């Protein structure tokens, strides 16, 4: 007992609590200054030496620059209530990130759909080549309504960094919408993938040519499977999907699936995590948020996930790991530290 107490004192409180819950302890912070590696789950400083604040986010590649958009969190336990908006960062190498400020700010107007105090989650930005607009989609819950509104919000900007102008919120195809992502296919068509029907079923909705609305065509996938945090990518002509189950802030075992078309039918492939069962069952204490095709690398993808901290949302961590393949099945293996060299040199 004394030894256990002494051990807990030596650890930081979050690390001690993580070990008590069977979760991996936090690694040492990434040092300030220019780095050339990823350290999953660590404090990750931006160019100002401040932990990156872009949770539940997505990435957009524009030329040689990568933009990271995510939820700006604040101190304390009200982690799902938006007090600031969507934060944006930029990078040329994926390791080092520059703070570009707030891309979309919540409104001080209490009548606005994105009034301060609303729930604004999982922002994703895509670029429309026809309109030359950057379009942001996000899950939106109206202030004071909990998770009852189940809407998506749309904003647009002339520059990747914004400022983004809020356009409207709605239920896509008149259906509930909660955790979501957007995907642009090789032919330029874009799709919204979102948890619907009380989170029991995933809807895949075609977007209009300007990416500002749903086009009225959607399919129901994974009926009755209760999935959240969807992420999707395309590899060798097939579509791959990774998501989590529905357990609130608590981590769970991820799911994966494959299809010949983005609209399905989808074949489930099981939990993509490989490692100790107790860690795979909680996805190494993480939840998916996005999958990035690595710029300049052929058939290379990074799995992006969040390690949530509901008691202090701003302390949430990022788990980035390379996706590997075993046959036709995507797999994710834990690495304490890694770099882009795992994908080989060149394209």
C-alpha atoms as a PDB file:
ATOM      1  CA  UNK A   1       0.000   0.000   0.000  1.00  0.00           C
ATOM      2  CA  UNK A   2       2.770   2.472   0.942  1.00  0.00           C
ATOM      3  CA  UNK A   3       4.674   1.664  -2.256  1.00  0.00           C
ATOM      4  CA  UNK A   4       1.516   2.251  -4.335  1.00  0.00           C
ATOM      5  CA  UNK A   5       0.887   5.592  -2.631  1.00  0.00           C
ATOM      6  CA  UNK A   6       4.454   6.743  -3.188  1.00  0.00           C
ATOM      7  CA  UNK A   7       4.243   5.722  -6.858  1.00  0.00           C
ATOM      8  CA  UNK A   8       1.054   7.734  -7.328  1.00  0.00           C
ATOM      9  CA  UNK A   9       2.645  10.796  -5.750  1.00  0.00           C
ATOM     10  CA  UNK A  10       5.601  10.630  -8.143  1.00  0.00           C
ATOM     11  CA  UNK A  11       3.269  10.505 -11.136  1.00  0.00           C
ATOM     12  CA  UNK A  12       1.225  13.478 -12.267  1.00  0.00           C
ATOM     13  CA  UNK A  13      -2.401  13.189 -11.204  1.00  0.00           C
ATOM     14  CA  UNK A  14      -3.669  12.512 -14.774  1.00  0.00           C
ATOM     15  CA  UNK A  15      -1.059   9.799 -15.236  1.00  0.00           C
ATOM     16  CA  UNK A  16      -1.918   8.169 -11.911  1.00  0.00           C
ATOM     17  CA  UNK A  17      -5.618   8.209 -12.749  1.00  0.00           C
ATOM     18  CA  UNK A  18      -4.913   6.781 -16.194  1.00  0.00           C
ATOM     19  CA  UNK A  19      -2.941   3.880 -14.774  1.00  0.00           C
ATOM     20  CA  UNK A  20      -5.651   3.222 -12.206  1.00  0.00           C
ATOM     21  CA  UNK A  21      -8.160   2.994 -15.046  1.00  0.00           C
ATOM     22  CA  UNK A  22      -5.926   0.695 -17.085  1.00  0.00           C
ATOM     23  CA  UNK A  23      -5.138   3.427 -19.607  1.00  0.00           C
ATOM     24  CA  UNK A  24      -1.686   4.391 -20.918  1.00  0.00           C
ATOM     25  CA  UNK A  25       0.091   7.121 -18.966  1.00  0.00           C
ATOM     26  CA  UNK A  26       0.903  10.423 -20.678  1.00  0.00           C
ATOM     27  CA  UNK A  27       4.321  10.579 -22.353  1.00  0.00           C
ATOM     28  CA  UNK A  28       6.801  13.380 -21.808  1.00  0.00           C
ATOM     29  CA  UNK A  29       5.787  16.622 -23.552  1.00  0.00           C
ATOM     30  CA  UNK A  30       7.157  17.339 -27.014  1.00  0.00           C
ATOM     31  CA  UNK A  31       9.898  19.937 -26.478  1.00  0.00           C
ATOM     32  CA  UNK A  32       9.408  23.517 -27.586  1.00  0.00           C
ATOM     33  CA  UNK A  33      11.104  24.526 -30.817  1.00  0.00           C
ATOM     34  CA  UNK A  34      11.457  22.761 -34.148  1.00  0.00           C
ATOM     35  CA  UNK A  35      10.969  18.982 -33.964  1.00  0.00           C
ATOM     36  CA  UNK A  36      10.866  16.138 -36.484  1.00  0.00           C
ATOM     37  CA  UNK A  37       8.769  13.456 -34.799  1.00  0.00           C
ATOM     38  CA  UNK A  38       5.322  12.654 -33.410  1.00  0.00           C
ATOM     39  CA  UNK A  39       4.783  11.602 -29.805  1.00  0.00           C
ATOM     40  CA  UNK A  40       1.175  10.354 -29.446  1.00  0.00           C
ATOM     41  CA  UNK A  41      -0.638  11.563 -26.348  1.00  0.00           C
ATOM     42  CA  UNK A  42       1.956  14.185 -25.416  1.00  0.00           C
ATOM     43  CA  UNK A  43       1.605  17.914 -24.833  1.00  0.00           C
ATOM     44  CA  UNK A  44       2.234  19.349 -28.330  1.00  0.00           C
ATOM     45  CA  UNK A  45       3.459  22.982 -28.356  1.00  0.00           C
ATOM     46  CA  UNK A  46       2.695  25.357 -31.229  1.00  0.00           C
ATOM     47  CA  UNK A  47       5.070  28.087 -32.430  1.00  0.00           C
ATOM     48  CA  UNK A  48       4.254  30.084 -29.279  1.00  0.00           C
ATOM     49  CA  UNK A  49       5.050  27.178 -26.964  1.00  0.00           C
ATOM     50  CA  UNK A  50       1.350  26.656 -26.144  1.00  0.00           C
ATOM     51  CA  UNK A  51      -0.335  23.230 -26.353  1.00  0.00           C
ATOM     52  CA  UNK A  52      -2.232  23.017 -29.656  1.00  0.00           C
ATOM     53  CA  UNK A  53      -5.927  23.719 -29.120  1.00  0.00           C
ATOM     54  CA  UNK A  54      -7.731  22.042 -32.038  1.00  0.00           C
ATOM     55  CA  UNK A  55      -9.768  19.130 -30.742  1.00  0.00           C
ATOM     56  CA  UNK A  56     -12.082  16.875 -32.745  1.00  0.00           C
ATOM     57  CA  UNK A  57     -10.539  18.383 -35.818  1.00  0.00           C
ATOM     58  CA  UNK A  58      -9.657  17.801 -39.432  1.00  0.00           C
ATOM     59  CA  UNK A  59      -6.834  18.710 -41.799  1.00  0.00           C
ATOM     60  CA  UNK A  60      -6.776  20.351 -45.215  1.00  0.00           C
ATOM     61  CA  UNK A  61      -3.823  20.358 -47.608  1.00  0.00           C
ATOM     62  CA  UNK A  62      -3.416  23.475 -49.780  1.00  0.00           C
ATOM     63  CA  UNK A  63      -0.292  23.339 -51.921  1.00  0.00           C
ATOM     64  CA  UNK A  64       2.615  22.715 -49.565  1.00  0.00           C
ATOM     65  CA  UNK A  65       0.745  23.938 -46.487  1.00  0.00           C
ATOM     66  CA  UNK A  66      -1.404  21.820 -44.186  1.00  0.00           C
ATOM     67  CA  UNK A  67      -4.145  23.452 -42.124  1.00  0.00           C
ATOM     68  CA  UNK A  68      -5.498  21.955 -38.909  1.00  0.00           C
ATOM     69  CA  UNK A  69      -8.968  23.023 -37.747  1.00  0.00           C
ATOM     70  CA  UNK A  70     -10.417  21.983 -34.403  1.00  0.00           C
ATOM     71  CA  UNK A  71     -12.536  22.890 -31.404  1.00  0.00           C
ATOM     72  CA  UNK A  72     -10.977  25.554 -29.195  1.00  0.00           C
ATOM     73  CA  UNK A  73     -11.345  24.278 -25.625  1.00  0.00           C
ATOM     74  CA  UNK A  74     -11.137  26.201 -22.351  1.00  0.00           C
ATOM     75  CA  UNK A  75     -10.126  25.313 -18.805  1.00  0.00           C
ATOM     76  CA  UNK A  76     -12.607  23.296 -16.802  1.00  0.00           C
ATOM     77  CA  UNK A  77     -15.150  20.560 -17.270  1.00  0.00           C
ATOM     78  CA  UNK A  78     -17.604  22.173 -19.704  1.00  0.00           C
ATOM     79  CA  UNK A  79     -15.613  20.760 -22.573  1.00  0.00           C
ATOM     80  CA  UNK A  80     -18.493  20.424 -24.999  1.00  0.00           C
ATOM     81  CA  UNK A  81     -19.713  24.032 -24.699  1.00  0.00           C
ATOM     82  CA  UNK A  82     -18.254  26.446 -27.254  1.00  0.00           C
ATOM     83  CA  UNK A  83     -16.978  29.672 -25.730  1.00  0.00           C
ATOM     84  CA  UNK A  84     -14.533  30.667 -28.477  1.00  0.00           C
ATOM     85  CA  UNK A  85     -15.008  28.769 -31.755  1.00  0.00           C
ATOM     86  CA  UNK A  86     -12.844  26.896 -34.258  1.00  0.00           C
ATOM     87  CA  UNK A  87      -9.068  27.277 -33.997  1.00  0.00           C
ATOM     88  CA  UNK A  88      -6.756  27.042 -37.018  1.00  0.00           C
ATOM     89  CA  UNK A  89      -3.066  26.090 -37.259  1.00  0.00           C
ATOM     90  CA  UNK A  90      -0.760  25.724 -40.247  1.00  0.00           C
ATOM     91  CA  UNK A  91       2.289  23.576 -40.958  1.00  0.00           C
ATOM     92  CA  UNK A  92       4.685  22.702 -43.758  1.00  0.00           C
ATOM     93  CA  UNK A  93       5.897  19.409 -42.273  1.00  0.00           C
ATOM     94  CA  UNK A  94       3.088  18.105 -39.980  1.00  0.00           C
ATOM     95  CA  UNK A  95       5.384  18.231 -36.927  1.00  0.00           C
ATOM     96  CA  UNK A  96       5.583  21.967 -36.270  1.00  0.00           C
ATOM     97  CA  UNK A  97       2.456  24.117 -36.155  1.00  0.00           C
ATOM     98  CA  UNK A  98       1.850  27.851 -36.359  1.00  0.00           C
ATOM     99  CA  UNK A  99      -1.121  29.390 -34.565  1.00  0.00           C
ATOM    100  CA  UNK A 100      -3.322  31.080 -37.192  1.00  0.00           C
ATOM    101  CA  UNK A 101      -5.968  32.203 -34.705  1.00  0.00           C
ATOM    102  CA  UNK A 102      -9.714  31.632 -34.567  1.00  0.00           C
ATOM    103  CA  UNK A 103     -11.070  30.727 -37.996  1.00  0.00           C
ATOM    104  CA  UNK A 104     -14.740  30.760 -36.955  1.00  0.00           C
ATOM    105  CA  UNK A 105     -15.794  32.617 -33.832  1.00  0.00           C
ATOM    106  CA  UNK A 106     -18.975  31.910 -31.928  1.00  0.00           C
ATOM    107  CA  UNK A 107     -21.393  34.827 -31.787  1.00  0.00           C
ATOM    108  CA  UNK A 108     -22.227  37.222 -28.962  1.00  0.00           C
ATOM    109  CA  UNK A 109     -25.737  37.480 -30.426  1.00  0.00           C
ATOM    110  CA  UNK A 110     -27.962  35.199 -28.307  1.00  0.00           C
ATOM    111  CA  UNK A 111     -30.269  34.749 -31.310  1.00  0.00           C
ATOM    112  CA  UNK A 112     -27.506  33.276 -33.485  1.00  0.00           C
ATOM    113  CA  UNK A 113     -27.426  29.519 -34.054  1.00  0.00           C
ATOM    114  CA  UNK A 114     -23.739  29.634 -33.075  1.00  0.00           C
ATOM    115  CA  UNK A 115     -24.267  31.815 -30.001  1.00  0.00           C
ATOM    116  CA  UNK A 116     -21.589  31.525 -27.331  1.00  0.00           C
ATOM    117  CA  UNK A 117     -22.567  28.525 -25.210  1.00  0.00           C
ATOM    118  CA  UNK A 118     -23.719  26.367 -28.116  1.00  0.00           C
ATOM    119  CA  UNK A 119     -22.109  22.970 -28.776  1.00  0.00           C
ATOM    120  CA  UNK A 120     -19.874  23.114 -31.851  1.00  0.00           C
ATOM    121  CA  UNK A 121     -17.969  19.906 -32.597  1.00  0.00           C
ATOM    122  CA  UNK A 122     -15.784  18.139 -35.160  1.00  0.00           C
ATOM    123  CA  UNK A 123     -15.167  20.970 -37.671  1.00  0.00           C
ATOM    124  CA  UNK A 124     -13.939  19.854 -41.101  1.00  0.00           C
ATOM    125  CA  UNK A 125     -12.937  22.124 -44.007  1.00  0.00           C
ATOM    126  CA  UNK A 126     -12.987  21.255 -47.718  1.00  0.00           C
ATOM    127  CA  UNK A 127     -12.097  23.392 -50.723  1.00  0.00           C
ATOM    128  CA  UNK A 128     -14.477  23.904 -53.618  1.00  0.00           C
ATOM    129  CA  UNK A 129     -12.533  24.393 -56.862  1.00  0.00           C
ATOM    130  CA  UNK A 130     -15.547  25.782 -58.735  1.00  0.00           C
ATOM    131  CA  UNK A 131     -16.489  28.507 -56.257  1.00  0.00           C
ATOM    132  CA  UNK A 132     -12.951  28.927 -54.864  1.00  0.00           C
ATOM    133  CA  UNK A 133     -14.429  28.877 -51.393  1.00  0.00           C
ATOM    134  CA  UNK A 134     -13.247  27.075 -48.291  1.00  0.00           C
ATOM    135  CA  UNK A 135     -16.277  25.406 -46.740  1.00  0.00           C
ATOM    136  CA  UNK A 136     -16.465  24.357 -43.098  1.00  0.00           C
ATOM    137  CA  UNK A 137     -18.935  21.755 -41.827  1.00  0.00           C
ATOM    138  CA  UNK A 138     -19.476  20.965 -38.149  1.00  0.00           C
ATOM    139  CA  UNK A 139     -21.864  19.285 -35.742  1.00  0.00           C
ATOM    140  CA  UNK A 140     -23.997  21.917 -34.007  1.00  0.00           C
ATOM    141  CA  UNK A 141     -26.264  21.836 -30.979  1.00  0.00           C
ATOM    142  CA  UNK A 142     -28.202  25.013 -30.211  1.00  0.00           C
ATOM    143  CA  UNK A 143     -27.481  26.735 -26.917  1.00  0.00           C
ATOM    144  CA  UNK A 144     -29.418  25.363 -23.983  1.00  0.00           C
ATOM    145  CA  UNK A 145     -30.828  22.358 -25.843  1.00  0.00           C
ATOM    146  CA  UNK A 146     -28.274  19.730 -24.889  1.00  0.00           C
ATOM    147  CA  UNK A 147     -27.937  17.293 -27.783  1.00  0.00           C
ATOM    148  CA  UNK A 148     -31.545  17.640 -28.877  1.00  0.00           C
ATOM    149  CA  UNK A 149     -31.095  19.872 -31.938  1.00  0.00           C
ATOM    150  CA  UNK A 150     -28.853  17.390 -33.803  1.00  0.00           C
ATOM    151  CA  UNK A 151     -27.890  19.776 -36.611  1.00  0.00           C
ATOM    152  CA  UNK A 152     -24.991  20.530 -38.906  1.00  0.00           C
ATOM    153  CA  UNK A 153     -23.561  23.994 -39.383  1.00  0.00           C
ATOM    154  CA  UNK A 154     -21.949  25.425 -42.509  1.00  0.00           C
ATOM    155  CA  UNK A 155     -19.559  28.367 -42.875  1.00  0.00           C
ATOM    156  CA  UNK A 156     -17.386  29.595 -45.748  1.00  0.00           C
ATOM    157  CA  UNK A 157     -14.316  31.763 -46.348  1.00  0.00           C
ATOM    158  CA  UNK A 158     -12.127  33.085 -49.148  1.00  0.00           C
ATOM    159  CA  UNK A 159      -8.924  32.013 -47.366  1.00  0.00           C
ATOM    160  CA  UNK A 160      -8.115  28.748 -45.618  1.00  0.00           C
ATOM    161  CA  UNK A 161      -7.399  30.539 -42.353  1.00  0.00           C
ATOM    162  CA  UNK A 162     -10.632  32.510 -42.531  1.00  0.00           C
ATOM    163  CA  UNK A 163     -12.349  34.380 -41.114  1.00  0.00           C
ATOM    164  CA  UNK A 164     -15.250  32.036 -41.880  1.00  0.00           C
ATOM    165  CA  UNK A 165     -18.728  33.471 -42.192  1.00  0.00           C
ATOM    166  CA  UNK A 166     -21.469  31.351 -40.686  1.00  0.00           C
ATOM    167  CA  UNK A 167     -24.152  30.615 -43.292  1.00  0.00           C
ATOM    168  CA  UNK A 168     -26.772  28.424 -41.638  1.00  0.00           C
ATOM    169  CA  UNK A 169     -27.514  25.300 -39.651  1.00  0.00           C
ATOM    170  CA  UNK A 170     -29.990  22.582 -40.493  1.00  0.00           C
ATOM    171  CA  UNK A 171     -30.749  18.902 -40.252  1.00  0.00           C
ATOM    172  CA  UNK A 172     -29.278  17.393 -43.429  1.00  0.00           C
ATOM    173  CA  UNK A 173     -31.962  15.701 -45.523  1.00  0.00           C
ATOM    174  CA  UNK A 174     -34.289  16.505 -42.590  1.00  0.00           C
ATOM    175  CA  UNK A 175     -32.494  13.892 -40.513  1.00  0.00           C
ATOM    176  CA  UNK A 176     -30.730  14.077 -37.151  1.00  0.00           C
ATOM    177  CA  UNK A 177     -27.003  14.735 -37.389  1.00  0.00           C
ATOM    178  CA  UNK A 178     -24.385  14.466 -34.658  1.00  0.00           C
ATOM    179  CA  UNK A 179     -20.758  13.254 -34.985  1.00  0.00           C
ATOM    180  CA  UNK A 180     -19.705  13.828 -38.587  1.00  0.00           C
ATOM    181  CA  UNK A 181     -16.993  14.155 -41.191  1.00  0.00           C
ATOM    182  CA  UNK A 182     -16.848  15.254 -44.826  1.00  0.00           C
ATOM    183  CA  UNK A 183     -15.075  13.540 -47.718  1.00  0.00           C
ATOM    184  CA  UNK A 184     -14.238  14.750 -51.224  1.00  0.00           C
ATOM    185  CA  UNK A 185     -13.884  11.967 -53.773  1.00  0.00           C
ATOM    186  CA  UNK A 186     -11.560  11.901 -56.783  1.00  0.00           C
ATOM    187  CA  UNK A 187     -14.361  13.115 -59.064  1.00  0.00           C
ATOM    188  CA  UNK A 188     -14.921  16.231 -56.950  1.00  0.00           C
ATOM    189  CA  UNK A 189     -18.169  15.033 -55.408  1.00  0.00           C
ATOM    190  CA  UNK A 190     -18.353  15.595 -51.660  1.00  0.00           C
ATOM    191  CA  UNK A 191     -20.186  13.656 -48.969  1.00  0.00           C
ATOM    192  CA  UNK A 192     -21.271  14.220 -45.390  1.00  0.00           C
ATOM    193  CA  UNK A 193     -20.990  11.123 -43.197  1.00  0.00           C
ATOM    194  CA  UNK A 194     -22.865  11.608 -39.937  1.00  0.00           C
ATOM    195  CA  UNK A 195     -24.388   9.717 -37.028  1.00  0.00           C
ATOM    196  CA  UNK A 196     -28.178   9.855 -37.244  1.00  0.00           C
ATOM    197  CA  UNK A 197     -31.354   8.206 -35.911  1.00  0.00           C
ATOM    198  CA  UNK A 198     -30.312   8.599 -32.289  1.00  0.00           C
ATOM    199  CA  UNK A 199     -26.746   7.648 -33.283  1.00  0.00           C
ATOM    200  CA  UNK A 200     -27.940   4.170 -34.265  1.00  0.00           C
ATOM    201  CA  UNK A 201     -27.273   4.507 -38.004  1.00  0.00           C
ATOM    202  CA  UNK A 202     -24.749   6.326 -40.167  1.00  0.00           C
ATOM    203  CA  UNK A 203     -26.082   8.501 -42.985  1.00  0.00           C
ATOM    204  CA  UNK A 204     -23.965   9.250 -46.051  1.00  0.00           C
ATOM    205  CA  UNK A 205     -25.283  12.359 -47.802  1.00  0.00           C
ATOM    206  CA  UNK A 206     -24.218  13.737 -51.178  1.00  0.00           C
ATOM    207  CA  UNK A 207     -23.449  17.462 -51.057  1.00  0.00           C
ATOM    208  CA  UNK A 208     -24.458  20.035 -53.655  1.00  0.00           C
ATOM    209  CA  UNK A 209     -21.861  21.138 -56.197  1.00  0.00           C
ATOM    210  CA  UNK A 210     -20.983  24.188 -54.082  1.00  0.00           C
ATOM    211  CA  UNK A 211     -20.583  21.991 -50.949  1.00  0.00           C
ATOM    212  CA  UNK A 212     -22.942  24.263 -48.982  1.00  0.00           C
ATOM    213  CA  UNK A 213     -25.948  21.936 -48.616  1.00  0.00           C
ATOM    214  CA  UNK A 214     -26.946  18.313 -48.892  1.00  0.00           C
ATOM    215  CA  UNK A 215     -28.316  17.400 -52.315  1.00  0.00           C
ATOM    216  CA  UNK A 216     -31.249  15.317 -51.085  1.00  0.00           C
ATOM    217  CA  UNK A 217     -29.628  11.955 -51.790  1.00  0.00           C
ATOM    218  CA  UNK A 218     -28.423   9.839 -48.890  1.00  0.00           C
ATOM    219  CA  UNK A 219     -27.992   6.215 -47.855  1.00  0.00           C
ATOM    220  CA  UNK A 220     -28.270   4.528 -44.467  1.00  0.00           C
ATOM    221  CA  UNK A 221     -25.260   2.453 -43.406  1.00  0.00           C
ATOM    222  CA  UNK A 222     -24.337   0.361 -40.363  1.00  0.00           C
ATOM    223  CA  UNK A 223     -27.979   0.229 -39.310  1.00  0.00           C
ATOM    224  CA  UNK A 224     -28.328  -0.348 -35.568  1.00  0.00           C
ATOM    225  CA  UNK A 225     -24.536  -0.362 -34.980  1.00  0.00           C
ATOM    226  CA  UNK A 226     -24.385   2.877 -32.914  1.00  0.00           C
ATOM    227  CA  UNK A 227     -21.195   4.472 -34.199  1.00  0.00           C
ATOM    228  CA  UNK A 228     -19.619   7.862 -33.498  1.00  0.00           C
ATOM    229  CA  UNK A 229     -16.513   9.756 -34.626  1.00  0.00           C
ATOM    230  CA  UNK A 230     -16.494   8.647 -38.291  1.00  0.00           C
ATOM    231  CA  UNK A 231     -13.341   8.956 -40.407  1.00  0.00           C
ATOM    232  CA  UNK A 232     -12.887   7.763 -43.992  1.00  0.00           C
ATOM    233  CA  UNK A 233     -10.151   7.433 -46.625  1.00  0.00           C
ATOM    234  CA  UNK A 234      -9.620   5.912 -50.061  1.00  0.00           C
ATOM    235  CA  UNK A 235      -6.883   3.376 -50.774  1.00  0.00           C
ATOM    236  CA  UNK A 236      -6.308   1.472 -54.021  1.00  0.00           C
ATOM    237  CA  UNK A 237      -9.815   2.194 -55.256  1.00  0.00           C
ATOM    238  CA  UNK A 238     -11.584   1.079 -52.081  1.00  0.00           C
ATOM    239  CA  UNK A 239     -13.132   3.164 -49.318  1.00  0.00           C
ATOM    240  CA  UNK A 240     -12.124   2.532 -45.719  1.00  0.00           C
ATOM    241  CA  UNK A 241     -13.995   3.653 -42.632  1.00  0.00           C
ATOM    242  CA  UNK A 242     -12.949   3.866 -38.979  1.00  0.00           C
ATOM    243  CA  UNK A 243     -15.230   4.949 -36.140  1.00  0.00           C
ATOM    244  CA  UNK A 244     -15.877   4.387 -32.447  1.00  0.00           C
ATOM    245  CA  UNK A 245     -18.785   3.012 -30.507  1.00  0.00           C
ATOM    246  CA  UNK A 246     -21.072   5.265 -28.439  1.00  0.00           C
ATOM    247  CA  UNK A 247     -19.822   5.508 -24.854  1.00  0.00           C
ATOM    248  CA  UNK A 248     -19.756   9.267 -24.283  1.00  0.00           C
ATOM    249  CA  UNK A 249     -16.366  10.598 -23.157  1.00  0.00           C
ATOM    250  CA  UNK A 250     -15.149   7.094 -22.257  1.00  0.00           C
ATOM    251  CA  UNK A 251     -12.982   5.361 -24.899  1.00  0.00           C
ATOM    252  CA  UNK A 252     -14.034   2.091 -26.501  1.00  0.00           C
ATOM    253  CA  UNK A 253     -12.918  -0.389 -29.152  1.00  0.00           C
ATOM    254  CA  UNK A 254     -12.834   1.153 -32.630  1.00  0.00           C
ATOM    255  CA  UNK A 255     -14.532  -0.389 -35.671  1.00  0.00           C
ATOM    256  CA  UNK A 256     -13.360  -0.500 -39.286  1.00  0.00           C
ATOM    257  CA  UNK A 257     -15.038  -1.313 -42.598  1.00  0.00           C
ATOM    258  CA  UNK A 258     -14.419  -1.374 -46.354  1.00  0.00           C
ATOM    259  CA  UNK A 259     -16.580  -0.739 -49.430  1.00  0.00           C
ATOM    260  CA  UNK A 260     -16.213  -0.539 -53.193  1.00  0.00           C
ATOM    261  CA  UNK A 261     -18.322   2.651 -53.219  1.00  0.00           C
ATOM    262  CA  UNK A 262     -18.558   5.463 -50.692  1.00  0.00           C
ATOM    263  CA  UNK A 263     -22.271   4.731 -50.431  1.00  0.00           C
ATOM    264  CA  UNK A 264     -21.636   1.062 -49.630  1.00  0.00           C
ATOM    265  CA  UNK A 265     -22.500  -1.660 -49.029  1.00  0.00           C
ATOM    266  CA  UNK A 266     -19.921  -1.728 -46.244  1.00  0.00           C
ATOM    267  CA  UNK A 267     -18.207  -4.831 -44.890  1.00  0.00           C
ATOM    268  CA  UNK A 268     -17.030  -4.574 -41.297  1.00  0.00           C
ATOM    269  CA  UNK A 269     -13.422  -5.593 -40.598  1.00  0.00           C
ATOM    270  CA  UNK A 270     -13.329  -5.406 -36.807  1.00  0.00           C
ATOM    271  CA  UNK A 271     -11.155  -3.371 -34.461  1.00  0.00           C
ATOM    272  CA  UNK A 272      -8.166  -1.935 -36.393  1.00  0.00           C
ATOM    273  CA  UNK A 273      -6.011  -1.622 -33.267  1.00  0.00           C
ATOM    274  CA  UNK A 274      -3.277  -4.208 -32.720  1.00  0.00           C
ATOM    275  CA  UNK A 275      -1.638  -4.649 -29.313  1.00  0.00           C
ATOM    276  CA  UNK A 276      -2.542  -5.648 -25.754  1.00  0.00           C
ATOM    277  CA  UNK A 277      -6.245  -6.481 -25.532  1.00  0.00           C
ATOM    278  CA  UNK A 278      -6.891  -4.119 -22.611  1.00  0.00           C
ATOM    279  CA  UNK A 279      -5.495  -1.237 -24.678  1.00  0.00           C
ATOM    280  CA  UNK A 280      -7.156  -2.217 -27.950  1.00  0.00           C
ATOM    281  CA  UNK A 281     -10.480  -2.396 -26.134  1.00  0.00           C
ATOM    282  CA  UNK A 282     -10.162   1.324 -25.381  1.00  0.00           C
ATOM    283  CA  UNK A 283      -8.298   2.264 -28.599  1.00  0.00           C
ATOM    284  CA  UNK A 284      -5.292   3.217 -26.461  1.00  0.00           C
ATOM    285  CA  UNK A 285      -7.523   5.778 -24.768  1.00  0.00           C
ATOM    286  CA  UNK A 286      -8.492   7.631 -27.937  1.00  0.00           C
ATOM    287  CA  UNK A 287     -11.357   8.311 -30.334  1.00  0.00           C
ATOM    288  CA  UNK A 288     -11.030   8.824 -34.125  1.00  0.00           C
ATOM    289  CA  UNK A 289     -11.385  12.268 -35.637  1.00  0.00           C
ATOM    290  CA  UNK A 290      -9.791  12.217 -39.121  1.00  0.00           C
ATOM    291  CA  UNK A 291      -7.580  10.255 -41.527  1.00  0.00           C
ATOM    292  CA  UNK A 292      -5.004  12.218 -43.512  1.00  0.00           C
ATOM    293  CA  UNK A 293      -3.491  11.114 -46.856  1.00  0.00           C
ATOM    294  CA  UNK A 294       0.128  12.170 -46.293  1.00  0.00           C
ATOM    295  CA  UNK A 295       1.215  14.886 -48.758  1.00  0.00           C
ATOM    296  CA  UNK A 296       4.048  13.727 -51.009  1.00  0.00           C
ATOM    297  CA  UNK A 297       3.651  10.070 -50.056  1.00  0.00           C
ATOM    298  CA  UNK A 298       1.848   7.403 -52.078  1.00  0.00           C
ATOM    299  CA  UNK A 299      -0.642   5.191 -50.220  1.00  0.00           C
ATOM    300  CA  UNK A 300       0.364   6.698 -46.861  1.00  0.00           C
ATOM    301  CA  UNK A 301      -2.231   7.655 -44.250  1.00  0.00           C
ATOM    302  CA  UNK A 302      -2.162   9.026 -40.711  1.00  0.00           C
ATOM    303  CA  UNK A 303      -4.877   8.130 -38.222  1.00  0.00           C
ATOM    304  CA  UNK A 304      -5.797  11.155 -36.077  1.00  0.00           C
ATOM    305  CA  UNK A 305      -7.566  10.703 -32.762  1.00  0.00           C
ATOM    306  CA  UNK A 306      -8.378  12.620 -29.593  1.00  0.00           C
ATOM    307  CA  UNK A 307      -7.597  11.651 -26.039  1.00  0.00           C
ATOM    308  CA  UNK A 308     -10.376  13.523 -24.287  1.00  0.00           C
ATOM    309  CA  UNK A 309     -10.071  15.128 -20.852  1.00  0.00           C
ATOM    310  CA  UNK A 310     -13.658  15.870 -19.779  1.00  0.00           C
ATOM    311  CA  UNK A 311     -12.516  17.206 -16.383  1.00  0.00           C
ATOM    312  CA  UNK A 312     -10.256  19.764 -18.071  1.00  0.00           C
ATOM    313  CA  UNK A 313     -11.042  19.963 -21.766  1.00  0.00           C
ATOM    314  CA  UNK A 314      -8.106  22.172 -22.749  1.00  0.00           C
ATOM    315  CA  UNK A 315      -5.711  19.395 -21.652  1.00  0.00           C
ATOM    316  CA  UNK A 316      -7.043  16.987 -24.303  1.00  0.00           C
ATOM    317  CA  UNK A 317      -4.253  15.226 -26.221  1.00  0.00           C
ATOM    318  CA  UNK A 318      -3.759  14.091 -29.812  1.00  0.00           C
ATOM    319  CA  UNK A 319      -2.964  10.545 -30.892  1.00  0.00           C
ATOM    320  CA  UNK A 320      -1.507  10.441 -34.409  1.00  0.00           C
ATOM    321  CA  UNK A 321      -0.309   7.092 -35.764  1.00  0.00           C
ATOM    322  CA  UNK A 322       0.447   5.618 -39.191  1.00  0.00           C
ATOM    323  CA  UNK A 323      -2.124   3.321 -40.764  1.00  0.00           C
ATOM    324  CA  UNK A 324      -0.629   0.043 -41.934  1.00  0.00           C
ATOM    325  CA  UNK A 325      -2.226  -2.761 -43.909  1.00  0.00           C
ATOM    326  CA  UNK A 326      -2.357  -6.473 -43.257  1.00  0.00           C
ATOM    327  CA  UNK A 327      -3.727  -7.784 -46.520  1.00  0.00           C
ATOM    328  CA  UNK A 328      -6.755  -5.609 -47.259  1.00  0.00           C
ATOM    329  CA  UNK A 329      -7.305  -4.700 -43.595  1.00  0.00           C
ATOM    330  CA  UNK A 330      -6.121  -1.371 -42.142  1.00  0.00           C
ATOM    331  CA  UNK A 331      -4.382  -1.714 -38.783  1.00  0.00           C
ATOM    332  CA  UNK A 332      -3.055   0.722 -36.191  1.00  0.00           C
ATOM    333  CA  UNK A 333      -0.179  -0.152 -33.875  1.00  0.00           C
ATOM    334  CA  UNK A 334       0.972   1.917 -30.948  1.00  0.00           C
ATOM    335  CA  UNK A 335       4.281   3.781 -31.243  1.00  0.00           C
ATOM    336  CA  UNK A 336       5.711   5.853 -28.407  1.00  0.00           C
ATOM    337  CA  UNK A 337       7.435   8.061 -30.987  1.00  0.00           C
ATOM    338  CA  UNK A 338       7.648   8.003 -34.772  1.00  0.00           C
ATOM    339  CA  UNK A 339       8.251  10.094 -37.884  1.00  0.00           C
ATOM    340  CA  UNK A 340       7.251  10.150 -41.550  1.00  0.00           C
ATOM    341  CA  UNK A 341      10.175   7.881 -42.379  1.00  0.00           C
ATOM    342  CA  UNK A 342       7.915   4.929 -41.588  1.00  0.00           C
ATOM    343  CA  UNK A 343       6.307   5.509 -44.994  1.00  0.00           C
ATOM    344  CA  UNK A 344       9.589   5.280 -46.887  1.00  0.00           C
ATOM    345  CA  UNK A 345      11.245   7.887 -49.079  1.00  0.00           C
ATOM    346  CA  UNK A 346       9.488   9.807 -51.845  1.00  0.00           C
ATOM    347  CA  UNK A 347       6.173   8.899 -53.416  1.00  0.00           C
END
